[in-house]
Amino acid sequence: MVELLQDLPIEPDAYALDLLRGVEEHNVEIDELLREYSEHWAVERMPAVDRAVLRLGCYELAHEPDVPTAVVISEAVDLAKQYSTKDSGRFVNGLLARIAEQVRAPSPSA
């Protein structure tokens, strides 16, 4: 995917490149999370936009701890609502919220 960005007429945003590289590097882990928490949805059968948005959100939740959970989920929901099906916002919200509980769970107190 990164190769596709090299042909763009303008330089992509640095954070967008970081996200893309992160999703590519951790794609197996990300898809495993999606499979585990999607409840009866095969990743391959999800609408393409939902799948892409969920992968970005999963990467941010698992590997970008400085980005607040609410921001990750809100941005993903907005993208899904704007570019995918009428039910995609709810689907993305629910799935990323479940994943966030797992990957951003607070550490147990000592």
PDB file of N, CA and C in Angstrom:
ATOM      1  N   MET A   1       0.804  -1.197   0.000  1.00  0.00           N
ATOM      2  CA  MET A   1       0.000   0.000   0.000  1.00  0.00           C
ATOM      3  C   MET A   1       0.848   1.262   0.000  1.00  0.00           C
ATOM      4  N   VAL A   2       1.943   1.239   0.700  1.00  0.00           N
ATOM      5  CA  VAL A   2       2.796   2.422   0.765  1.00  0.00           C
ATOM      6  C   VAL A   2       3.257   2.815  -0.633  1.00  0.00           C
ATOM      7  N   GLU A   3       3.444   1.825  -1.508  1.00  0.00           N
ATOM      8  CA  GLU A   3       3.864   2.108  -2.881  1.00  0.00           C
ATOM      9  C   GLU A   3       2.838   2.982  -3.609  1.00  0.00           C
ATOM     10  N   LEU A   4       1.557   2.781  -3.311  1.00  0.00           N
ATOM     11  CA  LEU A   4       0.511   3.585  -3.936  1.00  0.00           C
ATOM     12  C   LEU A   4       0.660   5.061  -3.575  1.00  0.00           C
ATOM     13  N   LEU A   5       1.078   5.324  -2.369  1.00  0.00           N
ATOM     14  CA  LEU A   5       1.212   6.713  -1.927  1.00  0.00           C
ATOM     15  C   LEU A   5       2.375   7.427  -2.603  1.00  0.00           C
ATOM     16  N   GLN A   6       3.342   6.675  -3.062  1.00  0.00           N
ATOM     17  CA  GLN A   6       4.495   7.288  -3.711  1.00  0.00           C
ATOM     18  C   GLN A   6       4.112   7.962  -5.034  1.00  0.00           C
ATOM     19  N   ASP A   7       3.018   7.543  -5.634  1.00  0.00           N
ATOM     20  CA  ASP A   7       2.589   8.102  -6.914  1.00  0.00           C
ATOM     21  C   ASP A   7       1.620   9.280  -6.775  1.00  0.00           C
ATOM     22  N   LEU A   8       1.340   9.690  -5.552  1.00  0.00           N
ATOM     23  CA  LEU A   8       0.428  10.811  -5.349  1.00  0.00           C
ATOM     24  C   LEU A   8       1.075  12.119  -5.804  1.00  0.00           C
ATOM     25  N   PRO A   9       0.260  13.046  -6.298  1.00  0.00           N
ATOM     26  CA  PRO A   9       0.818  14.319  -6.776  1.00  0.00           C
ATOM     27  C   PRO A   9       1.330  15.230  -5.654  1.00  0.00           C
ATOM     28  N   ILE A  10       0.878  14.994  -4.413  1.00  0.00           N
ATOM     29  CA  ILE A  10       1.367  15.766  -3.273  1.00  0.00           C
ATOM     30  C   ILE A  10       1.853  14.805  -2.196  1.00  0.00           C
ATOM     31  N   GLU A  11       2.706  15.291  -1.338  1.00  0.00           N
ATOM     32  CA  GLU A  11       3.241  14.475  -0.241  1.00  0.00           C
ATOM     33  C   GLU A  11       2.135  14.198   0.777  1.00  0.00           C
ATOM     34  N   PRO A  12       1.905  12.924   1.128  1.00  0.00           N
ATOM     35  CA  PRO A  12       0.876  12.615   2.122  1.00  0.00           C
ATOM     36  C   PRO A  12       1.301  13.126   3.505  1.00  0.00           C
ATOM     37  N   ASP A  13       0.327  13.329   4.351  1.00  0.00           N
ATOM     38  CA  ASP A  13       0.548  13.731   5.732  1.00  0.00           C
ATOM     39  C   ASP A  13       1.424  12.691   6.436  1.00  0.00           C
ATOM     40  N   ALA A  14       2.363  13.139   7.240  1.00  0.00           N
ATOM     41  CA  ALA A  14       3.306  12.239   7.917  1.00  0.00           C
ATOM     42  C   ALA A  14       2.590  11.256   8.834  1.00  0.00           C
ATOM     43  N   TYR A  15       1.578  11.720   9.564  1.00  0.00           N
ATOM     44  CA  TYR A  15       0.866  10.813  10.465  1.00  0.00           C
ATOM     45  C   TYR A  15       0.090   9.763   9.673  1.00  0.00           C
ATOM     46  N   ALA A  16      -0.476  10.161   8.542  1.00  0.00           N
ATOM     47  CA  ALA A  16      -1.182   9.197   7.690  1.00  0.00           C
ATOM     48  C   ALA A  16      -0.225   8.102   7.222  1.00  0.00           C
ATOM     49  N   LEU A  17       0.986   8.489   6.865  1.00  0.00           N
ATOM     50  CA  LEU A  17       1.994   7.495   6.471  1.00  0.00           C
ATOM     51  C   LEU A  17       2.344   6.572   7.630  1.00  0.00           C
ATOM     52  N   ASP A  18       2.497   7.147   8.815  1.00  0.00           N
ATOM     53  CA  ASP A  18       2.791   6.330  10.007  1.00  0.00           C
ATOM     54  C   ASP A  18       1.680   5.322  10.252  1.00  0.00           C
ATOM     55  N   LEU A  19       0.436   5.763  10.115  1.00  0.00           N
ATOM     56  CA  LEU A  19      -0.699   4.850  10.304  1.00  0.00           C
ATOM     57  C   LEU A  19      -0.679   3.732   9.280  1.00  0.00           C
ATOM     58  N   LEU A  20      -0.471   4.087   8.046  1.00  0.00           N
ATOM     59  CA  LEU A  20      -0.443   3.093   6.977  1.00  0.00           C
ATOM     60  C   LEU A  20       0.661   2.067   7.210  1.00  0.00           C
ATOM     61  N   ARG A  21       1.831   2.553   7.532  1.00  0.00           N
ATOM     62  CA  ARG A  21       2.948   1.629   7.807  1.00  0.00           C
ATOM     63  C   ARG A  21       2.649   0.750   9.009  1.00  0.00           C
ATOM     64  N   GLY A  22       2.062   1.328  10.029  1.00  0.00           N
ATOM     65  CA  GLY A  22       1.728   0.557  11.226  1.00  0.00           C
ATOM     66  C   GLY A  22       0.710  -0.531  10.943  1.00  0.00           C
ATOM     67  N   VAL A  23      -0.315  -0.197  10.168  1.00  0.00           N
ATOM     68  CA  VAL A  23      -1.329  -1.193   9.815  1.00  0.00           C
ATOM     69  C   VAL A  23      -0.693  -2.312   8.999  1.00  0.00           C
ATOM     70  N   GLU A  24       0.167  -1.959   8.056  1.00  0.00           N
ATOM     71  CA  GLU A  24       0.852  -2.988   7.252  1.00  0.00           C
ATOM     72  C   GLU A  24       1.730  -3.877   8.126  1.00  0.00           C
ATOM     73  N   GLU A  25       2.467  -3.263   9.025  1.00  0.00           N
ATOM     74  CA  GLU A  25       3.398  -4.019   9.872  1.00  0.00           C
ATOM     75  C   GLU A  25       2.684  -4.941  10.848  1.00  0.00           C
ATOM     76  N   HIS A  26       1.513  -4.529  11.319  1.00  0.00           N
ATOM     77  CA  HIS A  26       0.792  -5.293  12.345  1.00  0.00           C
ATOM     78  C   HIS A  26      -0.498  -5.910  11.812  1.00  0.00           C
ATOM     79  N   ASN A  27      -0.584  -6.130  10.504  1.00  0.00           N
ATOM     80  CA  ASN A  27      -1.844  -6.570   9.903  1.00  0.00           C
ATOM     81  C   ASN A  27      -2.355  -7.900  10.450  1.00  0.00           C
ATOM     82  N   VAL A  28      -1.484  -8.826  10.744  1.00  0.00           N
ATOM     83  CA  VAL A  28      -1.929 -10.126  11.268  1.00  0.00           C
ATOM     84  C   VAL A  28      -2.548  -9.940  12.649  1.00  0.00           C
ATOM     85  N   GLU A  29      -1.857  -9.225  13.512  1.00  0.00           N
ATOM     86  CA  GLU A  29      -2.355  -8.956  14.864  1.00  0.00           C
ATOM     87  C   GLU A  29      -3.691  -8.197  14.813  1.00  0.00           C
ATOM     88  N   ILE A  30      -3.779  -7.201  13.957  1.00  0.00           N
ATOM     89  CA  ILE A  30      -4.994  -6.388  13.840  1.00  0.00           C
ATOM     90  C   ILE A  30      -6.170  -7.242  13.382  1.00  0.00           C
ATOM     91  N   ASP A  31      -5.980  -8.039  12.355  1.00  0.00           N
ATOM     92  CA  ASP A  31      -7.074  -8.887  11.870  1.00  0.00           C
ATOM     93  C   ASP A  31      -7.466  -9.937  12.898  1.00  0.00           C
ATOM     94  N   GLU A  32      -6.528 -10.415  13.695  1.00  0.00           N
ATOM     95  CA  GLU A  32      -6.871 -11.348  14.775  1.00  0.00           C
ATOM     96  C   GLU A  32      -7.770 -10.672  15.801  1.00  0.00           C
ATOM     97  N   LEU A  33      -7.462  -9.434  16.156  1.00  0.00           N
ATOM     98  CA  LEU A  33      -8.324  -8.687  17.074  1.00  0.00           C
ATOM     99  C   LEU A  33      -9.711  -8.505  16.487  1.00  0.00           C
ATOM    100  N   LEU A  34      -9.783  -8.137  15.226  1.00  0.00           N
ATOM    101  CA  LEU A  34     -11.080  -7.949  14.585  1.00  0.00           C
ATOM    102  C   LEU A  34     -11.876  -9.251  14.564  1.00  0.00           C
ATOM    103  N   ARG A  35     -11.228 -10.352  14.254  1.00  0.00           N
ATOM    104  CA  ARG A  35     -11.922 -11.649  14.237  1.00  0.00           C
ATOM    105  C   ARG A  35     -12.428 -12.011  15.640  1.00  0.00           C
ATOM    106  N   GLU A  36     -11.591 -11.788  16.634  1.00  0.00           N
ATOM    107  CA  GLU A  36     -11.939 -12.168  18.005  1.00  0.00           C
ATOM    108  C   GLU A  36     -13.139 -11.386  18.533  1.00  0.00           C
ATOM    109  N   TYR A  37     -13.219 -10.107  18.227  1.00  0.00           N
ATOM    110  CA  TYR A  37     -14.234  -9.253  18.829  1.00  0.00           C
ATOM    111  C   TYR A  37     -15.409  -8.909  17.922  1.00  0.00           C
ATOM    112  N   SER A  38     -15.415  -9.365  16.684  1.00  0.00           N
ATOM    113  CA  SER A  38     -16.463  -8.952  15.755  1.00  0.00           C
ATOM    114  C   SER A  38     -17.764  -9.738  15.874  1.00  0.00           C
ATOM    115  N   GLU A  39     -17.796 -10.793  16.646  1.00  0.00           N
ATOM    116  CA  GLU A  39     -19.028 -11.555  16.896  1.00  0.00           C
ATOM    117  C   GLU A  39     -19.801 -11.875  15.613  1.00  0.00           C
ATOM    118  N   HIS A  40     -19.470 -12.965  15.009  1.00  0.00           N
ATOM    119  CA  HIS A  40     -20.174 -13.502  13.845  1.00  0.00           C
ATOM    120  C   HIS A  40     -19.921 -12.751  12.535  1.00  0.00           C
ATOM    121  N   TRP A  41     -18.870 -11.942  12.483  1.00  0.00           N
ATOM    122  CA  TRP A  41     -18.522 -11.232  11.251  1.00  0.00           C
ATOM    123  C   TRP A  41     -17.132 -11.652  10.813  1.00  0.00           C
ATOM    124  N   ALA A  42     -17.019 -12.245   9.650  1.00  0.00           N
ATOM    125  CA  ALA A  42     -15.709 -12.548   9.087  1.00  0.00           C
ATOM    126  C   ALA A  42     -15.109 -11.237   8.577  1.00  0.00           C
ATOM    127  N   VAL A  43     -13.855 -11.007   8.869  1.00  0.00           N
ATOM    128  CA  VAL A  43     -13.193  -9.775   8.437  1.00  0.00           C
ATOM    129  C   VAL A  43     -13.322  -9.613   6.928  1.00  0.00           C
ATOM    130  N   GLU A  44     -13.158 -10.681   6.205  1.00  0.00           N
ATOM    131  CA  GLU A  44     -13.204 -10.644   4.741  1.00  0.00           C
ATOM    132  C   GLU A  44     -14.588 -10.271   4.208  1.00  0.00           C
ATOM    133  N   ARG A  45     -15.615 -10.448   4.995  1.00  0.00           N
ATOM    134  CA  ARG A  45     -16.990 -10.157   4.562  1.00  0.00           C
ATOM    135  C   ARG A  45     -17.461  -8.769   4.977  1.00  0.00           C
ATOM    136  N   MET A  46     -16.680  -8.078   5.779  1.00  0.00           N
ATOM    137  CA  MET A  46     -17.038  -6.715   6.182  1.00  0.00           C
ATOM    138  C   MET A  46     -16.935  -5.793   4.965  1.00  0.00           C
ATOM    139  N   PRO A  47     -17.769  -4.760   4.909  1.00  0.00           N
ATOM    140  CA  PRO A  47     -17.595  -3.785   3.830  1.00  0.00           C
ATOM    141  C   PRO A  47     -16.155  -3.256   3.831  1.00  0.00           C
ATOM    142  N   ALA A  48     -15.604  -3.035   2.660  1.00  0.00           N
ATOM    143  CA  ALA A  48     -14.196  -2.648   2.532  1.00  0.00           C
ATOM    144  C   ALA A  48     -13.856  -1.389   3.328  1.00  0.00           C
ATOM    145  N   VAL A  49     -14.738  -0.406   3.313  1.00  0.00           N
ATOM    146  CA  VAL A  49     -14.468   0.829   4.054  1.00  0.00           C
ATOM    147  C   VAL A  49     -14.464   0.542   5.552  1.00  0.00           C
ATOM    148  N   ASP A  50     -15.419  -0.236   6.028  1.00  0.00           N
ATOM    149  CA  ASP A  50     -15.452  -0.593   7.452  1.00  0.00           C
ATOM    150  C   ASP A  50     -14.163  -1.299   7.845  1.00  0.00           C
ATOM    151  N   ARG A  51     -13.757  -2.231   7.024  1.00  0.00           N
ATOM    152  CA  ARG A  51     -12.536  -3.001   7.301  1.00  0.00           C
ATOM    153  C   ARG A  51     -11.322  -2.073   7.386  1.00  0.00           C
ATOM    154  N   ALA A  52     -11.199  -1.157   6.454  1.00  0.00           N
ATOM    155  CA  ALA A  52     -10.060  -0.234   6.454  1.00  0.00           C
ATOM    156  C   ALA A  52     -10.096   0.678   7.682  1.00  0.00           C
ATOM    157  N   VAL A  53     -11.262   1.219   7.999  1.00  0.00           N
ATOM    158  CA  VAL A  53     -11.406   2.100   9.153  1.00  0.00           C
ATOM    159  C   VAL A  53     -11.116   1.334  10.446  1.00  0.00           C
ATOM    160  N   LEU A  54     -11.622   0.124  10.549  1.00  0.00           N
ATOM    161  CA  LEU A  54     -11.381  -0.689  11.739  1.00  0.00           C
ATOM    162  C   LEU A  54      -9.903  -1.030  11.899  1.00  0.00           C
ATOM    163  N   ARG A  55      -9.242  -1.308  10.814  1.00  0.00           N
ATOM    164  CA  ARG A  55      -7.805  -1.609  10.892  1.00  0.00           C
ATOM    165  C   ARG A  55      -7.026  -0.392  11.385  1.00  0.00           C
ATOM    166  N   LEU A  56      -7.357   0.782  10.869  1.00  0.00           N
ATOM    167  CA  LEU A  56      -6.693   2.003  11.343  1.00  0.00           C
ATOM    168  C   LEU A  56      -6.971   2.222  12.830  1.00  0.00           C
ATOM    169  N   GLY A  57      -8.231   2.079  13.214  1.00  0.00           N
ATOM    170  CA  GLY A  57      -8.591   2.260  14.623  1.00  0.00           C
ATOM    171  C   GLY A  57      -7.915   1.258  15.535  1.00  0.00           C
ATOM    172  N   CYS A  58      -7.870   0.010  15.123  1.00  0.00           N
ATOM    173  CA  CYS A  58      -7.188  -1.023  15.928  1.00  0.00           C
ATOM    174  C   CYS A  58      -5.714  -0.699  16.097  1.00  0.00           C
ATOM    175  N   TYR A  59      -5.087  -0.284  15.008  1.00  0.00           N
ATOM    176  CA  TYR A  59      -3.671   0.065  15.108  1.00  0.00           C
ATOM    177  C   TYR A  59      -3.476   1.205  16.105  1.00  0.00           C
ATOM    178  N   GLU A  60      -4.282   2.245  15.983  1.00  0.00           N
ATOM    179  CA  GLU A  60      -4.130   3.377  16.901  1.00  0.00           C
ATOM    180  C   GLU A  60      -4.380   2.955  18.343  1.00  0.00           C
ATOM    181  N   LEU A  61      -5.400   2.156  18.590  1.00  0.00           N
ATOM    182  CA  LEU A  61      -5.692   1.717  19.952  1.00  0.00           C
ATOM    183  C   LEU A  61      -4.547   0.899  20.537  1.00  0.00           C
ATOM    184  N   ALA A  62      -3.984   0.026  19.731  1.00  0.00           N
ATOM    185  CA  ALA A  62      -2.959  -0.888  20.236  1.00  0.00           C
ATOM    186  C   ALA A  62      -1.558  -0.296  20.247  1.00  0.00           C
ATOM    187  N   HIS A  63      -1.286   0.667  19.364  1.00  0.00           N
ATOM    188  CA  HIS A  63       0.110   1.103  19.183  1.00  0.00           C
ATOM    189  C   HIS A  63       0.338   2.606  19.261  1.00  0.00           C
ATOM    190  N   GLU A  64      -0.693   3.375  19.469  1.00  0.00           N
ATOM    191  CA  GLU A  64      -0.554   4.831  19.592  1.00  0.00           C
ATOM    192  C   GLU A  64      -1.194   5.274  20.910  1.00  0.00           C
ATOM    193  N   PRO A  65      -0.554   4.964  22.032  1.00  0.00           N
ATOM    194  CA  PRO A  65      -1.174   5.234  23.337  1.00  0.00           C
ATOM    195  C   PRO A  65      -1.398   6.715  23.638  1.00  0.00           C
ATOM    196  N   ASP A  66      -0.723   7.601  22.933  1.00  0.00           N
ATOM    197  CA  ASP A  66      -0.907   9.038  23.174  1.00  0.00           C
ATOM    198  C   ASP A  66      -2.196   9.580  22.546  1.00  0.00           C
ATOM    199  N   VAL A  67      -2.806   8.800  21.654  1.00  0.00           N
ATOM    200  CA  VAL A  67      -4.073   9.222  21.049  1.00  0.00           C
ATOM    201  C   VAL A  67      -5.193   8.708  21.962  1.00  0.00           C
ATOM    202  N   PRO A  68      -5.998   9.608  22.518  1.00  0.00           N
ATOM    203  CA  PRO A  68      -7.065   9.179  23.428  1.00  0.00           C
ATOM    204  C   PRO A  68      -8.036   8.194  22.771  1.00  0.00           C
ATOM    205  N   THR A  69      -8.482   7.244  23.551  1.00  0.00           N
ATOM    206  CA  THR A  69      -9.413   6.223  23.069  1.00  0.00           C
ATOM    207  C   THR A  69     -10.647   6.856  22.433  1.00  0.00           C
ATOM    208  N   ALA A  70     -11.218   7.833  23.095  1.00  0.00           N
ATOM    209  CA  ALA A  70     -12.431   8.470  22.571  1.00  0.00           C
ATOM    210  C   ALA A  70     -12.185   9.120  21.209  1.00  0.00           C
ATOM    211  N   VAL A  71     -10.999   9.667  21.007  1.00  0.00           N
ATOM    212  CA  VAL A  71     -10.673  10.300  19.727  1.00  0.00           C
ATOM    213  C   VAL A  71     -10.565   9.243  18.629  1.00  0.00           C
ATOM    214  N   VAL A  72      -9.878   8.146  18.924  1.00  0.00           N
ATOM    215  CA  VAL A  72      -9.734   7.064  17.943  1.00  0.00           C
ATOM    216  C   VAL A  72     -11.108   6.584  17.499  1.00  0.00           C
ATOM    217  N   ILE A  73     -11.963   6.292  18.462  1.00  0.00           N
ATOM    218  CA  ILE A  73     -13.284   5.746  18.143  1.00  0.00           C
ATOM    219  C   ILE A  73     -14.141   6.778  17.416  1.00  0.00           C
ATOM    220  N   SER A  74     -14.139   8.003  17.892  1.00  0.00           N
ATOM    221  CA  SER A  74     -14.946   9.053  17.273  1.00  0.00           C
ATOM    222  C   SER A  74     -14.550   9.301  15.814  1.00  0.00           C
ATOM    223  N   GLU A  75     -13.258   9.384  15.563  1.00  0.00           N
ATOM    224  CA  GLU A  75     -12.793   9.604  14.186  1.00  0.00           C
ATOM    225  C   GLU A  75     -13.166   8.432  13.284  1.00  0.00           C
ATOM    226  N   ALA A  76     -13.021   7.212  13.800  1.00  0.00           N
ATOM    227  CA  ALA A  76     -13.365   6.030  13.010  1.00  0.00           C
ATOM    228  C   ALA A  76     -14.862   5.999  12.700  1.00  0.00           C
ATOM    229  N   VAL A  77     -15.672   6.311  13.694  1.00  0.00           N
ATOM    230  CA  VAL A  77     -17.123   6.329  13.492  1.00  0.00           C
ATOM    231  C   VAL A  77     -17.499   7.381  12.452  1.00  0.00           C
ATOM    232  N   ASP A  78     -16.905   8.559  12.546  1.00  0.00           N
ATOM    233  CA  ASP A  78     -17.192   9.612  11.570  1.00  0.00           C
ATOM    234  C   ASP A  78     -16.835   9.162  10.147  1.00  0.00           C
ATOM    235  N   LEU A  79     -15.681   8.531   9.978  1.00  0.00           N
ATOM    236  CA  LEU A  79     -15.291   8.041   8.651  1.00  0.00           C
ATOM    237  C   LEU A  79     -16.275   6.992   8.140  1.00  0.00           C
ATOM    238  N   ALA A  80     -16.649   6.062   9.022  1.00  0.00           N
ATOM    239  CA  ALA A  80     -17.573   5.001   8.618  1.00  0.00           C
ATOM    240  C   ALA A  80     -18.933   5.572   8.226  1.00  0.00           C
ATOM    241  N   LYS A  81     -19.417   6.531   9.007  1.00  0.00           N
ATOM    242  CA  LYS A  81     -20.710   7.151   8.691  1.00  0.00           C
ATOM    243  C   LYS A  81     -20.664   7.886   7.357  1.00  0.00           C
ATOM    244  N   GLN A  82     -19.568   8.551   7.109  1.00  0.00           N
ATOM    245  CA  GLN A  82     -19.460   9.361   5.893  1.00  0.00           C
ATOM    246  C   GLN A  82     -19.244   8.520   4.643  1.00  0.00           C
ATOM    247  N   TYR A  83     -18.471   7.452   4.755  1.00  0.00           N
ATOM    248  CA  TYR A  83     -18.040   6.743   3.546  1.00  0.00           C
ATOM    249  C   TYR A  83     -18.572   5.319   3.397  1.00  0.00           C
ATOM    250  N   SER A  84     -19.329   4.815   4.378  1.00  0.00           N
ATOM    251  CA  SER A  84     -19.782   3.434   4.265  1.00  0.00           C
ATOM    252  C   SER A  84     -21.303   3.353   4.391  1.00  0.00           C
ATOM    253  N   THR A  85     -21.805   2.259   4.895  1.00  0.00           N
ATOM    254  CA  THR A  85     -23.248   2.019   4.952  1.00  0.00           C
ATOM    255  C   THR A  85     -23.896   2.785   6.106  1.00  0.00           C
ATOM    256  N   LYS A  86     -25.210   2.813   6.123  1.00  0.00           N
ATOM    257  CA  LYS A  86     -25.925   3.560   7.165  1.00  0.00           C
ATOM    258  C   LYS A  86     -25.727   2.946   8.552  1.00  0.00           C
ATOM    259  N   ASP A  87     -25.416   1.668   8.634  1.00  0.00           N
ATOM    260  CA  ASP A  87     -25.206   1.014   9.927  1.00  0.00           C
ATOM    261  C   ASP A  87     -23.732   0.926  10.321  1.00  0.00           C
ATOM    262  N   SER A  88     -22.860   1.399   9.468  1.00  0.00           N
ATOM    263  CA  SER A  88     -21.428   1.234   9.717  1.00  0.00           C
ATOM    264  C   SER A  88     -20.933   1.989  10.945  1.00  0.00           C
ATOM    265  N   GLY A  89     -21.468   3.160  11.201  1.00  0.00           N
ATOM    266  CA  GLY A  89     -21.037   3.927  12.370  1.00  0.00           C
ATOM    267  C   GLY A  89     -21.232   3.163  13.658  1.00  0.00           C
ATOM    268  N   ARG A  90     -22.415   2.577  13.816  1.00  0.00           N
ATOM    269  CA  ARG A  90     -22.703   1.782  15.030  1.00  0.00           C
ATOM    270  C   ARG A  90     -21.820   0.550  15.112  1.00  0.00           C
ATOM    271  N   PHE A  91     -21.649  -0.114  13.978  1.00  0.00           N
ATOM    272  CA  PHE A  91     -20.821  -1.317  13.938  1.00  0.00           C
ATOM    273  C   PHE A  91     -19.381  -1.000  14.335  1.00  0.00           C
ATOM    274  N   VAL A  92     -18.799   0.031  13.745  1.00  0.00           N
ATOM    275  CA  VAL A  92     -17.420   0.432  14.036  1.00  0.00           C
ATOM    276  C   VAL A  92     -17.294   0.860  15.496  1.00  0.00           C
ATOM    277  N   ASN A  93     -18.260   1.631  15.976  1.00  0.00           N
ATOM    278  CA  ASN A  93     -18.238   2.076  17.368  1.00  0.00           C
ATOM    279  C   ASN A  93     -18.214   0.892  18.336  1.00  0.00           C
ATOM    280  N   GLY A  94     -19.129  -0.030  18.149  1.00  0.00           N
ATOM    281  CA  GLY A  94     -19.217  -1.178  19.053  1.00  0.00           C
ATOM    282  C   GLY A  94     -17.980  -2.046  19.030  1.00  0.00           C
ATOM    283  N   LEU A  95     -17.484  -2.314  17.842  1.00  0.00           N
ATOM    284  CA  LEU A  95     -16.322  -3.194  17.710  1.00  0.00           C
ATOM    285  C   LEU A  95     -15.064  -2.543  18.283  1.00  0.00           C
ATOM    286  N   LEU A  96     -14.821  -1.287  17.959  1.00  0.00           N
ATOM    287  CA  LEU A  96     -13.629  -0.627  18.503  1.00  0.00           C
ATOM    288  C   LEU A  96     -13.736  -0.433  20.014  1.00  0.00           C
ATOM    289  N   ALA A  97     -14.928  -0.205  20.530  1.00  0.00           N
ATOM    290  CA  ALA A  97     -15.096  -0.075  21.981  1.00  0.00           C
ATOM    291  C   ALA A  97     -14.724  -1.381  22.685  1.00  0.00           C
ATOM    292  N   ARG A  98     -15.148  -2.516  22.131  1.00  0.00           N
ATOM    293  CA  ARG A  98     -14.790  -3.809  22.724  1.00  0.00           C
ATOM    294  C   ARG A  98     -13.287  -4.055  22.647  1.00  0.00           C
ATOM    295  N   ILE A  99     -12.700  -3.721  21.528  1.00  0.00           N
ATOM    296  CA  ILE A  99     -11.257  -3.905  21.367  1.00  0.00           C
ATOM    297  C   ILE A  99     -10.498  -2.983  22.310  1.00  0.00           C
ATOM    298  N   ALA A 100     -10.965  -1.749  22.461  1.00  0.00           N
ATOM    299  CA  ALA A 100     -10.300  -0.794  23.370  1.00  0.00           C
ATOM    300  C   ALA A 100     -10.296  -1.312  24.798  1.00  0.00           C
ATOM    301  N   GLU A 101     -11.375  -1.954  25.222  1.00  0.00           N
ATOM    302  CA  GLU A 101     -11.416  -2.515  26.575  1.00  0.00           C
ATOM    303  C   GLU A 101     -10.302  -3.530  26.783  1.00  0.00           C
ATOM    304  N   GLN A 102      -9.955  -4.240  25.736  1.00  0.00           N
ATOM    305  CA  GLN A 102      -8.910  -5.255  25.824  1.00  0.00           C
ATOM    306  C   GLN A 102      -7.509  -4.649  25.720  1.00  0.00           C
ATOM    307  N   VAL A 103      -7.258  -3.856  24.683  1.00  0.00           N
ATOM    308  CA  VAL A 103      -5.902  -3.403  24.425  1.00  0.00           C
ATOM    309  C   VAL A 103      -5.496  -2.184  25.247  1.00  0.00           C
ATOM    310  N   ARG A 104      -6.487  -1.495  25.801  1.00  0.00           N
ATOM    311  CA  ARG A 104      -6.173  -0.321  26.630  1.00  0.00           C
ATOM    312  C   ARG A 104      -6.686  -0.484  28.042  1.00  0.00           C
ATOM    313  N   ALA A 105      -6.853  -1.728  28.444  1.00  0.00           N
ATOM    314  CA  ALA A 105      -7.342  -1.997  29.804  1.00  0.00           C
ATOM    315  C   ALA A 105      -6.349  -1.435  30.813  1.00  0.00           C
ATOM    316  N   PRO A 106      -6.839  -0.803  31.870  1.00  0.00           N
ATOM    317  CA  PRO A 106      -5.925  -0.296  32.892  1.00  0.00           C
ATOM    318  C   PRO A 106      -5.174  -1.425  33.565  1.00  0.00           C
ATOM    319  N   SER A 107      -3.946  -1.136  33.936  1.00  0.00           N
ATOM    320  CA  SER A 107      -3.133  -2.131  34.633  1.00  0.00           C
ATOM    321  C   SER A 107      -3.709  -2.357  36.019  1.00  0.00           C
ATOM    322  N   PRO A 108      -3.690  -3.618  36.481  1.00  0.00           N
ATOM    323  CA  PRO A 108      -4.199  -3.892  37.828  1.00  0.00           C
ATOM    324  C   PRO A 108      -3.317  -3.173  38.866  1.00  0.00           C
ATOM    325  N   SER A 109      -3.935  -2.680  39.899  1.00  0.00           N
ATOM    326  CA  SER A 109      -3.197  -1.986  40.966  1.00  0.00           C
ATOM    327  C   SER A 109      -2.316  -2.969  41.716  1.00  0.00           C
ATOM    328  N   ALA A 110      -1.200  -2.447  42.160  1.00  0.00           N
ATOM    329  CA  ALA A 110      -0.274  -3.299  42.911  1.00  0.00           C
ATOM    330  C   ALA A 110      -0.679  -3.396  44.348  1.00  0.00           C
TER     331      ALA A 110
END
